[in-house]
Amino acid sequence: MRDEPSTDTVGRDAARGTVAESTVGNAERAVDLDRALEAILFISDEPVPLVALAAAVSQPVARVREALARLCADYDGQNGTTPRGFELREVGGGYRMYVRSGYEDIVGDFVAVRQPARLSQAALETLTVIAYRQPVTRSQVAQVRAVNVDSVVRTLLARGLITESGNDPQTGAILYETTELLLEHLGINSIDELPKISPFLDDGRDGFSD
């Protein structure tokens, strides 16, 4: 007759199985958290604060910070992984993905080839708001135009007509201003030479105001 396993042995085996399952479960949850953060950052045009990321994934700030560190290491090619063409940076009080140094020219050439010859009406209106109110955030431009301007701002950045100029001290949002290239296209030496728009405003203001 075979010896039946003792109750203690069965208990130890069950405990080991529970620990193993727990370890696998923790690893899967970590991967899920990493991918969730990656998806959010992938579609974000501005640095996302750590607290905002934690709230979005309903996780403690400490866990999110650890996950971001894992993503940075993964993108940078640490621990035997292959470096990506992009990197995750902590800037302006938050986290944002950027093209990795060394690939800017390639990406710039690609965008330049695909860019249309003329700006759309929406792009012209957005550029006008930025020119007269600079430095200005995307949300401030959106308030003036009463529409979402995310894609238009990306187009203007790609065309080299506007550039990032730091962050708003209160909100941390990226500020935008026009570039020398715009002055060249307009044939002026300074943004101060832009025509006054007060004649086109009912209340006689010199420009856009809050």
N, C-alpha and C. Protein backbone atom coordinates (compact mmCIF):
# COMPACT_ATOMS: atom_id res chain seq x y z
N MET A 1 0.85 -1.21 0.00
CA MET A 1 0.00 0.00 0.00
C MET A 1 0.87 1.24 0.00
N ARG A 2 0.49 2.21 -0.89
CA ARG A 2 1.30 3.42 -0.95
C ARG A 2 1.03 4.28 0.26
N ASP A 3 2.12 4.94 0.64
CA ASP A 3 1.96 5.87 1.76
C ASP A 3 1.26 7.11 1.27
N GLU A 4 0.21 7.50 1.95
CA GLU A 4 -0.50 8.72 1.62
C GLU A 4 0.27 9.92 2.15
N PRO A 5 0.31 11.03 1.41
CA PRO A 5 1.01 12.21 1.90
C PRO A 5 0.36 12.71 3.18
N SER A 6 1.20 13.14 4.08
CA SER A 6 0.70 13.63 5.36
C SER A 6 -0.02 14.94 5.18
N THR A 7 -0.81 15.29 6.17
CA THR A 7 -1.54 16.57 6.13
C THR A 7 -0.58 17.74 6.08
N ASP A 8 0.56 17.63 6.80
CA ASP A 8 1.54 18.71 6.80
C ASP A 8 2.13 18.91 5.42
N THR A 9 2.43 17.79 4.73
CA THR A 9 3.02 17.88 3.40
C THR A 9 2.06 18.54 2.42
N VAL A 10 0.80 18.11 2.47
CA VAL A 10 -0.21 18.69 1.60
C VAL A 10 -0.35 20.18 1.87
N GLY A 11 -0.29 20.55 3.13
CA GLY A 11 -0.42 21.97 3.50
C GLY A 11 0.73 22.79 2.98
N ARG A 12 1.96 22.23 3.08
CA ARG A 12 3.13 22.96 2.59
C ARG A 12 3.07 23.12 1.07
N ASP A 13 2.65 22.05 0.38
CA ASP A 13 2.54 22.13 -1.09
C ASP A 13 1.51 23.17 -1.49
N ALA A 14 0.41 23.20 -0.78
CA ALA A 14 -0.64 24.17 -1.10
C ALA A 14 -0.16 25.59 -0.87
N ALA A 15 0.60 25.76 0.20
CA ALA A 15 1.12 27.09 0.52
C ALA A 15 2.09 27.56 -0.55
N ARG A 16 2.98 26.60 -0.98
CA ARG A 16 3.93 26.96 -2.03
C ARG A 16 3.20 27.33 -3.31
N GLY A 17 2.12 26.59 -3.62
CA GLY A 17 1.35 26.90 -4.81
C GLY A 17 0.69 28.26 -4.73
N THR A 18 0.21 28.59 -3.55
CA THR A 18 -0.43 29.89 -3.36
C THR A 18 0.57 31.02 -3.54
N VAL A 19 1.79 30.83 -2.98
CA VAL A 19 2.84 31.85 -3.11
C VAL A 19 3.23 32.03 -4.57
N ALA A 20 3.37 30.88 -5.30
CA ALA A 20 3.74 30.96 -6.71
C ALA A 20 2.68 31.68 -7.51
N GLU A 21 1.40 31.36 -7.25
CA GLU A 21 0.32 32.03 -7.96
C GLU A 21 0.30 33.52 -7.64
N SER A 22 0.58 33.85 -6.38
CA SER A 22 0.60 35.26 -5.98
C SER A 22 1.71 36.00 -6.69
N THR A 23 2.89 35.35 -6.81
CA THR A 23 4.02 35.99 -7.48
C THR A 23 3.71 36.26 -8.94
N VAL A 24 3.11 35.27 -9.61
CA VAL A 24 2.74 35.44 -11.01
C VAL A 24 1.70 36.54 -11.15
N GLY A 25 0.74 36.54 -10.23
CA GLY A 25 -0.30 37.56 -10.28
C GLY A 25 0.25 38.96 -10.11
N ASN A 26 1.22 39.12 -9.19
CA ASN A 26 1.83 40.43 -8.98
C ASN A 26 2.59 40.89 -10.22
N ALA A 27 3.30 39.94 -10.87
CA ALA A 27 4.05 40.28 -12.08
C ALA A 27 3.11 40.71 -13.20
N GLU A 28 1.97 40.00 -13.34
CA GLU A 28 1.01 40.36 -14.38
C GLU A 28 0.41 41.73 -14.12
N ARG A 29 0.12 42.00 -12.83
CA ARG A 29 -0.45 43.30 -12.51
C ARG A 29 0.55 44.42 -12.78
N ALA A 30 1.84 44.15 -12.52
CA ALA A 30 2.88 45.15 -12.79
C ALA A 30 2.96 45.45 -14.28
N VAL A 31 2.89 44.38 -15.09
CA VAL A 31 2.94 44.57 -16.55
C VAL A 31 1.71 45.35 -17.01
N ASP A 32 0.54 45.00 -16.47
CA ASP A 32 -0.68 45.71 -16.84
C ASP A 32 -0.57 47.19 -16.49
N LEU A 33 -0.01 47.51 -15.32
CA LEU A 33 0.16 48.89 -14.91
C LEU A 33 1.12 49.61 -15.85
N ASP A 34 2.22 48.96 -16.19
CA ASP A 34 3.19 49.56 -17.10
C ASP A 34 2.55 49.88 -18.45
N ARG A 35 1.80 48.93 -18.97
CA ARG A 35 1.18 49.14 -20.28
C ARG A 35 0.09 50.20 -20.22
N ALA A 36 -0.63 50.27 -19.12
CA ALA A 36 -1.67 51.29 -18.97
C ALA A 36 -1.05 52.68 -18.97
N LEU A 37 0.03 52.84 -18.23
CA LEU A 37 0.73 54.12 -18.19
C LEU A 37 1.31 54.45 -19.56
N GLU A 38 1.84 53.45 -20.22
CA GLU A 38 2.42 53.64 -21.55
C GLU A 38 1.36 54.14 -22.53
N ALA A 39 0.15 53.59 -22.45
CA ALA A 39 -0.93 54.00 -23.34
C ALA A 39 -1.33 55.45 -23.09
N ILE A 40 -1.39 55.85 -21.82
CA ILE A 40 -1.75 57.23 -21.49
C ILE A 40 -0.68 58.19 -22.01
N LEU A 41 0.57 57.87 -21.74
CA LEU A 41 1.66 58.75 -22.14
C LEU A 41 1.80 58.82 -23.65
N PHE A 42 1.43 57.75 -24.33
CA PHE A 42 1.55 57.72 -25.78
C PHE A 42 0.68 58.77 -26.45
N ILE A 43 -0.50 59.05 -25.87
CA ILE A 43 -1.43 59.99 -26.50
C ILE A 43 -1.38 61.38 -25.88
N SER A 44 -0.47 61.58 -24.92
CA SER A 44 -0.40 62.86 -24.22
C SER A 44 0.56 63.81 -24.93
N ASP A 45 0.10 65.04 -25.18
CA ASP A 45 0.91 66.06 -25.85
C ASP A 45 1.67 66.93 -24.86
N GLU A 46 1.34 66.83 -23.58
CA GLU A 46 2.00 67.63 -22.56
C GLU A 46 2.42 66.71 -21.42
N PRO A 47 3.41 67.13 -20.63
CA PRO A 47 3.82 66.32 -19.48
C PRO A 47 2.64 66.04 -18.55
N VAL A 48 2.49 64.80 -18.15
CA VAL A 48 1.39 64.41 -17.27
C VAL A 48 1.95 64.26 -15.84
N PRO A 49 1.42 65.01 -14.88
CA PRO A 49 1.92 64.93 -13.50
C PRO A 49 1.78 63.52 -12.93
N LEU A 50 2.67 63.17 -12.02
CA LEU A 50 2.67 61.85 -11.40
C LEU A 50 1.34 61.58 -10.72
N VAL A 51 0.82 62.56 -10.01
CA VAL A 51 -0.45 62.38 -9.29
C VAL A 51 -1.59 62.13 -10.28
N ALA A 52 -1.57 62.81 -11.42
CA ALA A 52 -2.62 62.61 -12.42
C ALA A 52 -2.56 61.21 -13.00
N LEU A 53 -1.35 60.71 -13.22
CA LEU A 53 -1.19 59.34 -13.72
C LEU A 53 -1.71 58.33 -12.70
N ALA A 54 -1.38 58.55 -11.43
CA ALA A 54 -1.82 57.65 -10.37
C ALA A 54 -3.34 57.63 -10.29
N ALA A 55 -3.95 58.80 -10.43
CA ALA A 55 -5.41 58.87 -10.38
C ALA A 55 -6.03 58.17 -11.58
N ALA A 56 -5.39 58.29 -12.74
CA ALA A 56 -5.93 57.69 -13.96
C ALA A 56 -5.96 56.17 -13.89
N VAL A 57 -4.95 55.58 -13.25
CA VAL A 57 -4.87 54.11 -13.16
C VAL A 57 -5.30 53.59 -11.81
N SER A 58 -5.74 54.49 -10.92
CA SER A 58 -6.23 54.11 -9.58
C SER A 58 -5.20 53.30 -8.81
N GLN A 59 -3.96 53.81 -8.79
CA GLN A 59 -2.87 53.14 -8.09
C GLN A 59 -2.15 54.14 -7.20
N PRO A 60 -1.49 53.65 -6.14
CA PRO A 60 -0.72 54.55 -5.28
C PRO A 60 0.39 55.24 -6.07
N VAL A 61 0.73 56.44 -5.65
CA VAL A 61 1.77 57.20 -6.33
C VAL A 61 3.09 56.44 -6.35
N ALA A 62 3.42 55.77 -5.24
CA ALA A 62 4.69 55.03 -5.15
C ALA A 62 4.76 53.93 -6.21
N ARG A 63 3.66 53.19 -6.41
CA ARG A 63 3.65 52.13 -7.42
C ARG A 63 3.79 52.69 -8.83
N VAL A 64 3.13 53.83 -9.07
CA VAL A 64 3.21 54.45 -10.39
C VAL A 64 4.63 54.95 -10.65
N ARG A 65 5.27 55.51 -9.63
CA ARG A 65 6.64 55.98 -9.79
C ARG A 65 7.57 54.81 -10.14
N GLU A 66 7.37 53.67 -9.49
CA GLU A 66 8.17 52.48 -9.79
C GLU A 66 7.93 52.01 -11.22
N ALA A 67 6.67 52.04 -11.65
CA ALA A 67 6.33 51.62 -13.01
C ALA A 67 6.97 52.54 -14.05
N LEU A 68 6.97 53.83 -13.78
CA LEU A 68 7.59 54.78 -14.71
C LEU A 68 9.09 54.54 -14.81
N ALA A 69 9.70 54.19 -13.68
CA ALA A 69 11.13 53.88 -13.70
C ALA A 69 11.40 52.64 -14.55
N ARG A 70 10.49 51.66 -14.48
CA ARG A 70 10.64 50.46 -15.32
C ARG A 70 10.51 50.81 -16.80
N LEU A 71 9.56 51.66 -17.12
CA LEU A 71 9.39 52.07 -18.51
C LEU A 71 10.61 52.81 -19.03
N CYS A 72 11.15 53.72 -18.22
CA CYS A 72 12.35 54.45 -18.62
C CYS A 72 13.50 53.49 -18.90
N ALA A 73 13.69 52.52 -18.01
CA ALA A 73 14.77 51.54 -18.17
C ALA A 73 14.55 50.70 -19.42
N ASP A 74 13.29 50.33 -19.68
CA ASP A 74 12.97 49.53 -20.86
C ASP A 74 13.26 50.32 -22.14
N TYR A 75 12.80 51.56 -22.20
CA TYR A 75 13.01 52.38 -23.39
C TYR A 75 14.49 52.70 -23.61
N ASP A 76 15.25 52.83 -22.53
CA ASP A 76 16.67 53.19 -22.63
C ASP A 76 17.58 52.00 -22.93
N GLY A 77 17.01 50.80 -22.99
CA GLY A 77 17.82 49.63 -23.32
C GLY A 77 18.57 49.04 -22.17
N GLN A 78 18.12 49.30 -20.96
CA GLN A 78 18.78 48.72 -19.79
C GLN A 78 18.30 47.28 -19.60
N ASN A 79 19.05 46.54 -18.80
CA ASN A 79 18.70 45.14 -18.50
C ASN A 79 18.61 44.27 -19.76
N GLY A 80 19.44 44.60 -20.76
CA GLY A 80 19.51 43.76 -21.94
C GLY A 80 18.46 44.04 -22.99
N THR A 81 17.60 45.04 -22.78
CA THR A 81 16.59 45.35 -23.77
C THR A 81 17.16 46.25 -24.86
N THR A 82 16.45 46.37 -25.96
CA THR A 82 16.91 47.20 -27.08
C THR A 82 16.40 48.63 -26.92
N PRO A 83 17.27 49.63 -27.00
CA PRO A 83 16.83 51.02 -26.88
C PRO A 83 15.78 51.35 -27.93
N ARG A 84 14.76 52.10 -27.52
CA ARG A 84 13.70 52.50 -28.44
C ARG A 84 14.06 53.81 -29.15
N GLY A 85 13.29 54.15 -30.16
CA GLY A 85 13.49 55.41 -30.87
C GLY A 85 12.89 56.59 -30.14
N PHE A 86 12.32 56.33 -28.97
CA PHE A 86 11.74 57.38 -28.15
C PHE A 86 12.18 57.15 -26.71
N GLU A 87 11.98 58.15 -25.88
CA GLU A 87 12.35 58.04 -24.47
C GLU A 87 11.31 58.73 -23.61
N LEU A 88 11.28 58.36 -22.35
CA LEU A 88 10.36 58.95 -21.39
C LEU A 88 11.14 59.90 -20.50
N ARG A 89 10.71 61.17 -20.49
CA ARG A 89 11.40 62.18 -19.69
C ARG A 89 10.47 62.76 -18.64
N GLU A 90 11.08 63.15 -17.51
CA GLU A 90 10.36 63.88 -16.48
C GLU A 90 10.68 65.36 -16.68
N VAL A 91 9.72 66.11 -17.18
CA VAL A 91 9.91 67.53 -17.48
C VAL A 91 8.65 68.31 -17.11
N GLY A 92 8.84 69.57 -16.76
CA GLY A 92 7.69 70.44 -16.51
C GLY A 92 6.73 69.92 -15.48
N GLY A 93 7.25 69.21 -14.47
CA GLY A 93 6.36 68.71 -13.42
C GLY A 93 5.57 67.48 -13.80
N GLY A 94 5.98 66.79 -14.87
CA GLY A 94 5.26 65.60 -15.29
C GLY A 94 6.11 64.72 -16.18
N TYR A 95 5.48 63.73 -16.81
CA TYR A 95 6.17 62.77 -17.67
C TYR A 95 5.60 62.86 -19.09
N ARG A 96 6.52 62.76 -20.07
CA ARG A 96 6.11 62.84 -21.47
C ARG A 96 7.10 62.08 -22.34
N MET A 97 6.61 61.49 -23.43
CA MET A 97 7.47 60.79 -24.37
C MET A 97 8.04 61.76 -25.39
N TYR A 98 9.31 61.56 -25.75
CA TYR A 98 9.99 62.40 -26.73
C TYR A 98 10.74 61.52 -27.72
N VAL A 99 10.97 62.05 -28.91
CA VAL A 99 11.84 61.37 -29.87
C VAL A 99 13.25 61.32 -29.27
N ARG A 100 13.88 60.17 -29.34
CA ARG A 100 15.21 60.03 -28.75
C ARG A 100 16.24 60.86 -29.52
N SER A 101 17.16 61.43 -28.77
CA SER A 101 18.23 62.23 -29.38
C SER A 101 18.95 61.42 -30.44
N GLY A 102 19.14 62.02 -31.60
CA GLY A 102 19.78 61.32 -32.71
C GLY A 102 18.80 60.97 -33.83
N TYR A 103 17.49 61.03 -33.50
CA TYR A 103 16.47 60.70 -34.50
C TYR A 103 15.64 61.91 -34.90
N GLU A 104 15.94 63.09 -34.30
CA GLU A 104 15.13 64.27 -34.58
C GLU A 104 15.15 64.64 -36.07
N ASP A 105 16.34 64.57 -36.70
CA ASP A 105 16.44 64.95 -38.11
C ASP A 105 15.62 64.03 -39.00
N ILE A 106 15.67 62.73 -38.70
CA ILE A 106 14.92 61.76 -39.50
C ILE A 106 13.43 62.03 -39.39
N VAL A 107 12.97 62.23 -38.15
CA VAL A 107 11.54 62.50 -37.93
C VAL A 107 11.16 63.83 -38.56
N GLY A 108 12.03 64.83 -38.41
CA GLY A 108 11.75 66.14 -39.00
C GLY A 108 11.63 66.07 -40.51
N ASP A 109 12.52 65.32 -41.16
CA ASP A 109 12.46 65.17 -42.61
C ASP A 109 11.18 64.45 -43.04
N PHE A 110 10.82 63.44 -42.26
CA PHE A 110 9.60 62.69 -42.57
C PHE A 110 8.38 63.59 -42.50
N VAL A 111 8.29 64.39 -41.45
CA VAL A 111 7.16 65.29 -41.28
C VAL A 111 7.16 66.35 -42.38
N ALA A 112 8.35 66.85 -42.72
CA ALA A 112 8.45 67.89 -43.75
C ALA A 112 7.95 67.38 -45.10
N VAL A 113 8.24 66.14 -45.42
CA VAL A 113 7.81 65.58 -46.70
C VAL A 113 6.29 65.43 -46.74
N ARG A 114 5.69 65.10 -45.59
CA ARG A 114 4.25 64.85 -45.52
C ARG A 114 3.43 66.11 -45.31
N GLN A 115 4.07 67.22 -44.95
CA GLN A 115 3.30 68.41 -44.62
C GLN A 115 2.64 69.02 -45.85
N PRO A 116 1.46 69.55 -45.72
CA PRO A 116 0.78 70.16 -46.87
C PRO A 116 1.42 71.49 -47.23
N ALA A 117 1.19 71.93 -48.47
CA ALA A 117 1.80 73.18 -48.93
C ALA A 117 1.18 74.39 -48.25
N ARG A 118 -0.10 74.32 -47.90
CA ARG A 118 -0.78 75.45 -47.29
C ARG A 118 -1.33 75.08 -45.93
N LEU A 119 -1.45 76.08 -45.08
CA LEU A 119 -2.06 75.87 -43.78
C LEU A 119 -3.58 75.92 -43.92
N SER A 120 -4.25 75.11 -43.13
CA SER A 120 -5.71 75.13 -43.13
C SER A 120 -6.20 76.39 -42.42
N GLN A 121 -7.50 76.67 -42.57
CA GLN A 121 -8.08 77.82 -41.89
C GLN A 121 -7.94 77.69 -40.38
N ALA A 122 -8.14 76.47 -39.88
CA ALA A 122 -8.00 76.24 -38.44
C ALA A 122 -6.58 76.52 -37.97
N ALA A 123 -5.59 76.11 -38.78
CA ALA A 123 -4.20 76.35 -38.41
C ALA A 123 -3.87 77.83 -38.43
N LEU A 124 -4.40 78.55 -39.42
CA LEU A 124 -4.15 79.99 -39.51
C LEU A 124 -4.76 80.72 -38.31
N GLU A 125 -5.96 80.32 -37.92
CA GLU A 125 -6.62 80.95 -36.78
C GLU A 125 -5.85 80.67 -35.49
N THR A 126 -5.40 79.44 -35.33
CA THR A 126 -4.64 79.07 -34.13
C THR A 126 -3.31 79.81 -34.09
N LEU A 127 -2.64 79.89 -35.23
CA LEU A 127 -1.37 80.60 -35.32
C LEU A 127 -1.55 82.08 -34.99
N THR A 128 -2.66 82.65 -35.41
CA THR A 128 -2.94 84.06 -35.12
C THR A 128 -3.09 84.29 -33.62
N VAL A 129 -3.82 83.41 -32.95
CA VAL A 129 -4.00 83.54 -31.51
C VAL A 129 -2.66 83.44 -30.79
N ILE A 130 -1.85 82.47 -31.19
CA ILE A 130 -0.54 82.30 -30.56
C ILE A 130 0.33 83.52 -30.80
N ALA A 131 0.31 84.04 -32.02
CA ALA A 131 1.16 85.19 -32.36
C ALA A 131 0.81 86.41 -31.52
N TYR A 132 -0.47 86.64 -31.29
CA TYR A 132 -0.88 87.85 -30.57
C TYR A 132 -0.89 87.67 -29.05
N ARG A 133 -0.93 86.43 -28.58
CA ARG A 133 -1.01 86.23 -27.13
C ARG A 133 0.23 85.56 -26.54
N GLN A 134 1.21 85.27 -27.34
CA GLN A 134 2.37 84.51 -26.86
C GLN A 134 3.10 85.18 -25.69
N PRO A 135 3.69 84.33 -24.81
CA PRO A 135 3.58 82.87 -24.78
C PRO A 135 2.22 82.44 -24.25
N VAL A 136 1.68 81.36 -24.79
CA VAL A 136 0.32 80.95 -24.46
C VAL A 136 0.24 79.44 -24.44
N THR A 137 -0.65 78.89 -23.62
CA THR A 137 -0.83 77.44 -23.55
C THR A 137 -1.89 76.98 -24.54
N ARG A 138 -1.93 75.69 -24.80
CA ARG A 138 -2.93 75.15 -25.71
C ARG A 138 -4.35 75.39 -25.19
N SER A 139 -4.54 75.23 -23.88
CA SER A 139 -5.87 75.42 -23.32
C SER A 139 -6.33 76.86 -23.47
N GLN A 140 -5.40 77.81 -23.37
CA GLN A 140 -5.77 79.22 -23.56
C GLN A 140 -6.15 79.49 -25.00
N VAL A 141 -5.43 78.88 -25.93
CA VAL A 141 -5.78 79.03 -27.35
C VAL A 141 -7.15 78.40 -27.60
N ALA A 142 -7.38 77.23 -27.00
CA ALA A 142 -8.66 76.54 -27.19
C ALA A 142 -9.82 77.37 -26.65
N GLN A 143 -9.59 78.10 -25.56
CA GLN A 143 -10.64 78.94 -25.00
C GLN A 143 -11.01 80.06 -25.97
N VAL A 144 -10.00 80.62 -26.64
CA VAL A 144 -10.27 81.69 -27.59
C VAL A 144 -11.03 81.17 -28.81
N ARG A 145 -10.58 80.01 -29.31
CA ARG A 145 -11.19 79.48 -30.53
C ARG A 145 -12.43 78.63 -30.25
N ALA A 146 -12.62 78.24 -28.97
CA ALA A 146 -13.78 77.44 -28.58
C ALA A 146 -13.80 76.06 -29.25
N VAL A 147 -12.63 75.56 -29.59
CA VAL A 147 -12.50 74.21 -30.15
C VAL A 147 -11.20 73.60 -29.65
N ASN A 148 -11.08 72.28 -29.77
CA ASN A 148 -9.85 71.60 -29.42
C ASN A 148 -8.78 71.91 -30.47
N VAL A 149 -7.58 72.27 -30.02
CA VAL A 149 -6.53 72.68 -30.95
C VAL A 149 -5.31 71.76 -30.91
N ASP A 150 -5.43 70.59 -30.30
CA ASP A 150 -4.28 69.70 -30.12
C ASP A 150 -3.61 69.36 -31.46
N SER A 151 -4.41 68.88 -32.42
CA SER A 151 -3.82 68.45 -33.70
C SER A 151 -3.26 69.64 -34.47
N VAL A 152 -3.92 70.79 -34.36
CA VAL A 152 -3.44 71.97 -35.07
C VAL A 152 -2.11 72.44 -34.51
N VAL A 153 -1.98 72.41 -33.19
CA VAL A 153 -0.72 72.81 -32.57
C VAL A 153 0.41 71.87 -33.00
N ARG A 154 0.11 70.57 -33.09
CA ARG A 154 1.12 69.62 -33.57
C ARG A 154 1.55 69.96 -34.99
N THR A 155 0.60 70.35 -35.83
CA THR A 155 0.92 70.72 -37.21
C THR A 155 1.82 71.95 -37.25
N LEU A 156 1.50 72.95 -36.45
CA LEU A 156 2.31 74.18 -36.42
C LEU A 156 3.71 73.91 -35.89
N LEU A 157 3.82 73.01 -34.90
CA LEU A 157 5.13 72.63 -34.39
C LEU A 157 5.94 71.93 -35.48
N ALA A 158 5.28 71.01 -36.18
CA ALA A 158 5.96 70.27 -37.25
C ALA A 158 6.41 71.19 -38.37
N ARG A 159 5.66 72.24 -38.64
CA ARG A 159 6.03 73.18 -39.69
C ARG A 159 7.09 74.17 -39.23
N GLY A 160 7.41 74.15 -37.95
CA GLY A 160 8.43 75.05 -37.43
C GLY A 160 7.97 76.49 -37.26
N LEU A 161 6.64 76.70 -37.25
CA LEU A 161 6.10 78.05 -37.12
C LEU A 161 5.93 78.47 -35.66
N ILE A 162 5.83 77.49 -34.77
CA ILE A 162 5.77 77.77 -33.33
C ILE A 162 6.73 76.82 -32.63
N THR A 163 7.05 77.15 -31.38
CA THR A 163 7.96 76.31 -30.61
C THR A 163 7.57 76.35 -29.15
N GLU A 164 8.00 75.35 -28.39
CA GLU A 164 7.74 75.34 -26.95
C GLU A 164 8.66 76.35 -26.28
N SER A 165 8.13 77.08 -25.31
CA SER A 165 8.92 78.11 -24.65
C SER A 165 8.77 78.06 -23.13
N GLY A 166 8.93 76.86 -22.59
CA GLY A 166 8.85 76.70 -21.14
C GLY A 166 7.47 76.25 -20.70
N ASN A 167 7.20 76.42 -19.41
CA ASN A 167 5.95 75.96 -18.83
C ASN A 167 5.28 77.07 -18.03
N ASP A 168 3.96 77.02 -18.01
CA ASP A 168 3.20 77.98 -17.22
C ASP A 168 3.51 77.74 -15.74
N PRO A 169 3.90 78.76 -14.99
CA PRO A 169 4.29 78.58 -13.59
C PRO A 169 3.16 78.09 -12.70
N GLN A 170 1.92 78.31 -13.07
CA GLN A 170 0.79 77.91 -12.24
C GLN A 170 0.28 76.52 -12.58
N THR A 171 0.15 76.22 -13.86
CA THR A 171 -0.44 74.94 -14.27
C THR A 171 0.58 73.91 -14.73
N GLY A 172 1.78 74.37 -15.09
CA GLY A 172 2.79 73.46 -15.62
C GLY A 172 2.59 73.13 -17.09
N ALA A 173 1.53 73.68 -17.69
CA ALA A 173 1.26 73.42 -19.12
C ALA A 173 2.34 74.06 -19.98
N ILE A 174 2.58 73.46 -21.14
CA ILE A 174 3.59 73.96 -22.06
C ILE A 174 3.13 75.28 -22.67
N LEU A 175 4.05 76.23 -22.72
CA LEU A 175 3.80 77.51 -23.36
C LEU A 175 4.33 77.48 -24.80
N TYR A 176 3.64 78.17 -25.70
CA TYR A 176 4.05 78.20 -27.09
C TYR A 176 4.25 79.65 -27.55
N GLU A 177 5.21 79.83 -28.45
CA GLU A 177 5.43 81.13 -29.06
C GLU A 177 5.84 80.92 -30.51
N THR A 178 5.78 81.97 -31.29
CA THR A 178 6.13 81.87 -32.70
C THR A 178 7.65 81.85 -32.89
N THR A 179 8.09 81.47 -34.07
CA THR A 179 9.51 81.32 -34.36
C THR A 179 9.98 82.36 -35.38
N GLU A 180 11.28 82.38 -35.59
CA GLU A 180 11.86 83.27 -36.60
C GLU A 180 11.38 82.91 -37.99
N LEU A 181 11.08 81.61 -38.18
CA LEU A 181 10.59 81.18 -39.50
C LEU A 181 9.28 81.86 -39.85
N LEU A 182 8.41 82.07 -38.87
CA LEU A 182 7.16 82.76 -39.14
C LEU A 182 7.43 84.21 -39.56
N LEU A 183 8.38 84.85 -38.87
CA LEU A 183 8.71 86.23 -39.23
C LEU A 183 9.21 86.29 -40.68
N GLU A 184 9.99 85.30 -41.06
CA GLU A 184 10.50 85.27 -42.44
C GLU A 184 9.34 85.15 -43.43
N HIS A 185 8.38 84.26 -43.10
CA HIS A 185 7.24 84.08 -44.00
C HIS A 185 6.40 85.35 -44.10
N LEU A 186 6.29 86.07 -42.98
CA LEU A 186 5.49 87.29 -42.96
C LEU A 186 6.25 88.50 -43.48
N GLY A 187 7.57 88.37 -43.58
CA GLY A 187 8.39 89.47 -44.07
C GLY A 187 8.53 90.61 -43.07
N ILE A 188 8.58 90.27 -41.79
CA ILE A 188 8.75 91.28 -40.75
C ILE A 188 9.95 90.90 -39.88
N ASN A 189 10.46 91.88 -39.14
CA ASN A 189 11.63 91.64 -38.30
C ASN A 189 11.29 91.30 -36.87
N SER A 190 10.11 91.68 -36.44
CA SER A 190 9.71 91.46 -35.05
C SER A 190 8.23 91.21 -34.97
N ILE A 191 7.82 90.48 -33.94
CA ILE A 191 6.41 90.21 -33.75
C ILE A 191 5.66 91.50 -33.44
N ASP A 192 6.40 92.53 -32.98
CA ASP A 192 5.78 93.83 -32.69
C ASP A 192 5.26 94.50 -33.96
N GLU A 193 5.73 94.04 -35.12
CA GLU A 193 5.31 94.63 -36.39
C GLU A 193 4.01 94.04 -36.91
N LEU A 194 3.44 93.09 -36.17
CA LEU A 194 2.15 92.55 -36.58
C LEU A 194 1.11 93.67 -36.59
N PRO A 195 0.21 93.67 -37.52
CA PRO A 195 -0.82 94.73 -37.57
C PRO A 195 -1.74 94.67 -36.36
N LYS A 196 -2.20 95.81 -35.91
CA LYS A 196 -3.15 95.87 -34.81
C LYS A 196 -4.48 95.27 -35.25
N ILE A 197 -5.09 94.53 -34.36
CA ILE A 197 -6.37 93.92 -34.71
C ILE A 197 -7.55 94.66 -34.09
N SER A 198 -7.26 95.74 -33.36
CA SER A 198 -8.34 96.50 -32.71
C SER A 198 -9.41 96.98 -33.68
N PRO A 199 -9.06 97.35 -34.93
CA PRO A 199 -10.11 97.79 -35.85
C PRO A 199 -11.14 96.71 -36.17
N PHE A 200 -10.75 95.44 -35.93
CA PHE A 200 -11.65 94.34 -36.25
C PHE A 200 -12.44 93.85 -35.04
N LEU A 201 -12.20 94.49 -33.86
CA LEU A 201 -12.89 94.09 -32.64
C LEU A 201 -13.93 95.13 -32.26
N ASP A 202 -15.09 94.67 -31.86
CA ASP A 202 -16.20 95.56 -31.56
C ASP A 202 -15.91 96.52 -30.41
N ASP A 203 -15.12 96.04 -29.41
CA ASP A 203 -14.90 96.87 -28.23
C ASP A 203 -13.60 97.66 -28.30
N GLY A 204 -12.89 97.58 -29.44
CA GLY A 204 -11.70 98.40 -29.61
C GLY A 204 -10.47 97.90 -28.90
N ARG A 205 -10.46 96.65 -28.44
CA ARG A 205 -9.26 96.12 -27.78
C ARG A 205 -8.12 96.01 -28.77
N ASP A 206 -6.89 96.05 -28.24
CA ASP A 206 -5.72 95.95 -29.11
C ASP A 206 -5.43 94.52 -29.53
N GLY A 207 -5.97 93.57 -28.82
CA GLY A 207 -5.68 92.18 -29.15
C GLY A 207 -6.52 91.26 -28.30
N PHE A 208 -6.14 89.99 -28.26
CA PHE A 208 -6.89 89.01 -27.47
C PHE A 208 -6.58 89.23 -26.00
N SER A 209 -7.55 89.10 -25.16
CA SER A 209 -7.35 89.23 -23.72
C SER A 209 -8.14 88.16 -23.01
N ASP A 210 -7.78 87.96 -21.73
CA ASP A 210 -8.47 86.92 -20.97
C ASP A 210 -9.90 87.35 -20.64
